[in-house]
Amino acid sequence: MTNDQTIKLLCPTCQATVFWSEAYPHRPFCSERCKLIDLGEWASENHRIPGDDALPQNDDEY
C-alpha cells in the first residue's frame, strides 16, 4: 500500500487524525492514553452493546 492509499481515520476518543500504519502503534487510537480512556469507559459500562442481558438481574430467578 502506498502513502496515497494509507487508511486515514479518527481516534474514537479524541477525534485526532490517525493513519493505519506502524507510526501509530495504538491504532485505531492516537495514543495509549486514548486507548486506556476507552477501556475505562467499557469497564465502567458507559459503552455497551445493545441487547438483552445474558443473565437475570436478581438472584431469586436462579
Protein backbone atom coordinates (compact mmCIF):
# COMPACT_ATOMS: atom_id res chain seq x y z
CA MET A 1 0.00 0.00 0.00
CA THR A 2 1.48 3.35 -0.95
CA ASN A 3 1.26 6.53 1.11
CA ASP A 4 -1.63 7.70 -1.07
CA GLN A 5 -3.59 4.58 -0.12
CA THR A 6 -2.90 4.65 3.64
CA ILE A 7 -6.15 4.47 5.57
CA LYS A 8 -6.93 7.65 7.50
CA LEU A 9 -9.39 7.58 10.38
CA LEU A 10 -10.31 9.49 13.52
CA CYS A 11 -9.35 8.41 17.03
CA PRO A 12 -12.56 7.12 18.67
CA THR A 13 -11.73 9.01 21.87
CA CYS A 14 -10.40 12.45 20.88
CA GLN A 15 -11.14 12.56 17.12
CA ALA A 16 -7.46 13.21 16.19
CA THR A 17 -6.41 12.01 12.74
CA VAL A 18 -4.75 8.57 12.78
CA PHE A 19 -3.14 6.77 9.86
CA TRP A 20 -3.27 2.97 9.73
CA SER A 21 0.49 2.48 9.77
CA GLU A 22 3.32 1.40 12.04
CA ALA A 23 3.74 5.05 13.04
CA TYR A 24 0.56 4.65 15.13
CA PRO A 25 1.07 1.50 17.25
CA HIS A 26 -2.14 2.12 19.26
CA ARG A 27 -4.38 2.38 16.20
CA PRO A 28 -7.28 2.99 15.87
CA PHE A 29 -6.41 5.23 18.83
CA CYS A 30 -3.90 8.07 18.54
CA SER A 31 -2.16 7.22 21.83
CA GLU A 32 -2.08 4.79 24.71
CA ARG A 33 -3.88 7.41 26.81
CA CYS A 34 -6.89 7.44 24.47
CA LYS A 35 -6.83 3.64 24.36
CA LEU A 36 -6.96 3.47 28.18
CA ILE A 37 -9.74 6.06 28.37
CA ASP A 38 -11.82 3.90 26.02
CA LEU A 39 -11.06 0.77 28.05
CA GLY A 40 -12.21 2.59 31.20
CA GLU A 41 -15.47 3.56 29.50
CA TRP A 42 -16.16 -0.10 28.67
CA ALA A 43 -15.14 -1.26 32.18
CA SER A 44 -17.49 1.24 33.83
CA GLU A 45 -20.25 0.14 31.42
CA ASN A 46 -20.62 3.59 29.85
CA HIS A 47 -20.23 1.83 26.49
CA ARG A 48 -22.50 -1.15 25.87
CA ILE A 49 -23.51 -3.38 23.00
CA PRO A 50 -27.32 -3.25 22.68
CA GLY A 51 -29.29 -6.35 23.54
CA ASP A 52 -30.93 -8.28 26.33
CA ASP A 53 -28.98 -9.13 29.48
CA ALA A 54 -27.42 -12.57 29.37
CA LEU A 55 -28.35 -13.35 32.98
CA PRO A 56 -31.32 -12.35 35.14
CA GLN A 57 -30.71 -9.24 37.28
CA ASN A 58 -31.68 -10.72 40.66
CA ASP A 59 -30.54 -13.94 42.32
CA ASP A 60 -34.11 -15.11 43.08
CA GLU A 61 -34.55 -16.27 39.49
CA TYR A 62 -31.84 -18.96 39.66
